[in-house]
Amino acid sequence: MVGGEAAAAVEELVSGVRQAADFAEQFRSYSESEKQWKARMEFILRHLPDYRDPPDGSGRLDQLLSLSMVWANHLFLGCSPRGPK
């Protein structure tokens, strides 16, 4: 029966990953390429546990989404917070 328990645990894990990916999909920008979106989605999912919206609605998820865009712009477009020289 250990094999059945392991299979159930794997199925639960896969289901959780699918739900997280479906949740993140709503934040994809229409102008993002597949490569850009995959990288930004991974960023969002990796940091999501630290940025869950608290019950008071202080907007931590908005902060995470903003940071993911800054990170993607820096990585793919070469944008810098320092501005032009």
C-alpha atoms as a PDB file:
ATOM      1  CA  MET A   1       0.000   0.000   0.000  1.00  0.00           C
ATOM      2  CA  VAL A   2       2.975   2.327   0.300  1.00  0.00           C
ATOM      3  CA  GLY A   3       3.011   2.680  -3.505  1.00  0.00           C
ATOM      4  CA  GLY A   4      -0.640   3.794  -3.487  1.00  0.00           C
ATOM      5  CA  GLU A   5       0.054   6.417  -0.854  1.00  0.00           C
ATOM      6  CA  ALA A   6       3.033   7.714  -2.826  1.00  0.00           C
ATOM      7  CA  ALA A   7       0.958   7.896  -6.008  1.00  0.00           C
ATOM      8  CA  ALA A   8      -1.755   9.826  -4.178  1.00  0.00           C
ATOM      9  CA  ALA A   9       0.830  12.240  -2.772  1.00  0.00           C
ATOM     10  CA  VAL A  10       2.307  12.812  -6.231  1.00  0.00           C
ATOM     11  CA  GLU A  11      -1.151  13.388  -7.702  1.00  0.00           C
ATOM     12  CA  GLU A  12      -1.931  15.909  -4.958  1.00  0.00           C
ATOM     13  CA  LEU A  13       1.354  17.723  -5.637  1.00  0.00           C
ATOM     14  CA  VAL A  14       0.699  17.830  -9.395  1.00  0.00           C
ATOM     15  CA  SER A  15      -2.812  19.127  -8.753  1.00  0.00           C
ATOM     16  CA  GLY A  16      -1.419  21.909  -6.537  1.00  0.00           C
ATOM     17  CA  VAL A  17       1.106  22.913  -9.200  1.00  0.00           C
ATOM     18  CA  ARG A  18      -1.643  23.037 -11.835  1.00  0.00           C
ATOM     19  CA  GLN A  19      -3.804  25.223  -9.599  1.00  0.00           C
ATOM     20  CA  ALA A  20      -0.903  27.609  -8.961  1.00  0.00           C
ATOM     21  CA  ALA A  21      -0.139  27.848 -12.698  1.00  0.00           C
ATOM     22  CA  ASP A  22      -3.822  28.483 -13.469  1.00  0.00           C
ATOM     23  CA  PHE A  23      -3.886  31.194 -10.801  1.00  0.00           C
ATOM     24  CA  ALA A  24      -0.761  32.876 -12.230  1.00  0.00           C
ATOM     25  CA  GLU A  25      -2.071  32.715 -15.823  1.00  0.00           C
ATOM     26  CA  GLN A  26      -4.533  35.540 -15.128  1.00  0.00           C
ATOM     27  CA  PHE A  27      -1.594  37.937 -14.725  1.00  0.00           C
ATOM     28  CA  ARG A  28      -0.047  37.326 -18.156  1.00  0.00           C
ATOM     29  CA  SER A  29       0.293  40.410 -20.315  1.00  0.00           C
ATOM     30  CA  TYR A  30      -0.878  40.119 -23.920  1.00  0.00           C
ATOM     31  CA  SER A  31       2.481  41.520 -25.114  1.00  0.00           C
ATOM     32  CA  GLU A  32       4.651  38.901 -23.356  1.00  0.00           C
ATOM     33  CA  SER A  33       6.296  36.218 -25.437  1.00  0.00           C
ATOM     34  CA  GLU A  34       6.011  32.626 -24.266  1.00  0.00           C
ATOM     35  CA  LYS A  35       9.620  32.726 -23.050  1.00  0.00           C
ATOM     36  CA  GLN A  36       9.069  35.947 -21.105  1.00  0.00           C
ATOM     37  CA  TRP A  37       5.841  34.699 -19.582  1.00  0.00           C
ATOM     38  CA  LYS A  38       7.313  31.360 -18.484  1.00  0.00           C
ATOM     39  CA  ALA A  39      10.167  33.169 -16.719  1.00  0.00           C
ATOM     40  CA  ARG A  40       7.865  35.729 -15.066  1.00  0.00           C
ATOM     41  CA  MET A  41       5.360  33.036 -14.044  1.00  0.00           C
ATOM     42  CA  GLU A  42       8.182  31.084 -12.406  1.00  0.00           C
ATOM     43  CA  PHE A  43       9.208  34.272 -10.556  1.00  0.00           C
ATOM     44  CA  ILE A  44       5.623  34.813  -9.382  1.00  0.00           C
ATOM     45  CA  LEU A  45       5.125  31.222  -8.255  1.00  0.00           C
ATOM     46  CA  ARG A  46       8.497  31.101  -6.498  1.00  0.00           C
ATOM     47  CA  HIS A  47       7.755  34.215  -4.429  1.00  0.00           C
ATOM     48  CA  LEU A  48       3.979  33.876  -4.042  1.00  0.00           C
ATOM     49  CA  PRO A  49       4.093  32.352  -0.534  1.00  0.00           C
ATOM     50  CA  ASP A  50       5.906  35.461   0.724  1.00  0.00           C
ATOM     51  CA  TYR A  51       3.442  37.886  -0.904  1.00  0.00           C
ATOM     52  CA  ARG A  52       0.000  36.419  -0.197  1.00  0.00           C
ATOM     53  CA  ASP A  53      -2.524  39.181   0.426  1.00  0.00           C
ATOM     54  CA  PRO A  54      -3.195  39.518   4.150  1.00  0.00           C
ATOM     55  CA  PRO A  55      -6.805  39.751   5.346  1.00  0.00           C
ATOM     56  CA  ASP A  56      -6.522  43.540   5.677  1.00  0.00           C
ATOM     57  CA  GLY A  57      -6.070  43.825   1.874  1.00  0.00           C
ATOM     58  CA  SER A  58      -2.830  45.767   1.977  1.00  0.00           C
ATOM     59  CA  GLY A  59      -1.947  44.783  -1.592  1.00  0.00           C
ATOM     60  CA  ARG A  60       1.042  42.479  -1.211  1.00  0.00           C
ATOM     61  CA  LEU A  61       0.044  40.556  -4.345  1.00  0.00           C
ATOM     62  CA  ASP A  62       0.132  43.811  -6.331  1.00  0.00           C
ATOM     63  CA  GLN A  63       3.648  44.379  -5.021  1.00  0.00           C
ATOM     64  CA  LEU A  64       4.743  40.925  -6.179  1.00  0.00           C
ATOM     65  CA  LEU A  65       3.258  41.463  -9.643  1.00  0.00           C
ATOM     66  CA  SER A  66       5.003  44.832  -9.912  1.00  0.00           C
ATOM     67  CA  LEU A  67       8.314  43.297  -8.880  1.00  0.00           C
ATOM     68  CA  SER A  68       7.867  40.512 -11.431  1.00  0.00           C
ATOM     69  CA  MET A  69       7.423  43.108 -14.200  1.00  0.00           C
ATOM     70  CA  VAL A  70      10.492  45.080 -13.071  1.00  0.00           C
ATOM     71  CA  TRP A  71      12.518  41.873 -12.966  1.00  0.00           C
ATOM     72  CA  ALA A  72      11.318  40.784 -16.430  1.00  0.00           C
ATOM     73  CA  ASN A  73      11.966  44.239 -17.917  1.00  0.00           C
ATOM     74  CA  HIS A  74      15.480  44.197 -16.506  1.00  0.00           C
ATOM     75  CA  LEU A  75      16.168  40.662 -17.715  1.00  0.00           C
ATOM     76  CA  PHE A  76      14.632  40.791 -21.189  1.00  0.00           C
ATOM     77  CA  LEU A  77      14.723  44.481 -22.117  1.00  0.00           C
ATOM     78  CA  GLY A  78      17.809  45.624 -20.250  1.00  0.00           C
ATOM     79  CA  CYS A  79      15.923  48.272 -18.282  1.00  0.00           C
ATOM     80  CA  SER A  80      17.763  49.671 -15.285  1.00  0.00           C
ATOM     81  CA  PRO A  81      16.462  51.481 -12.215  1.00  0.00           C
ATOM     82  CA  ARG A  82      19.321  53.947 -12.582  1.00  0.00           C
ATOM     83  CA  GLY A  83      17.966  55.364 -15.828  1.00  0.00           C
ATOM     84  CA  PRO A  84      20.045  56.590 -18.783  1.00  0.00           C
ATOM     85  CA  LYS A  85      23.610  57.742 -18.283  1.00  0.00           C
END
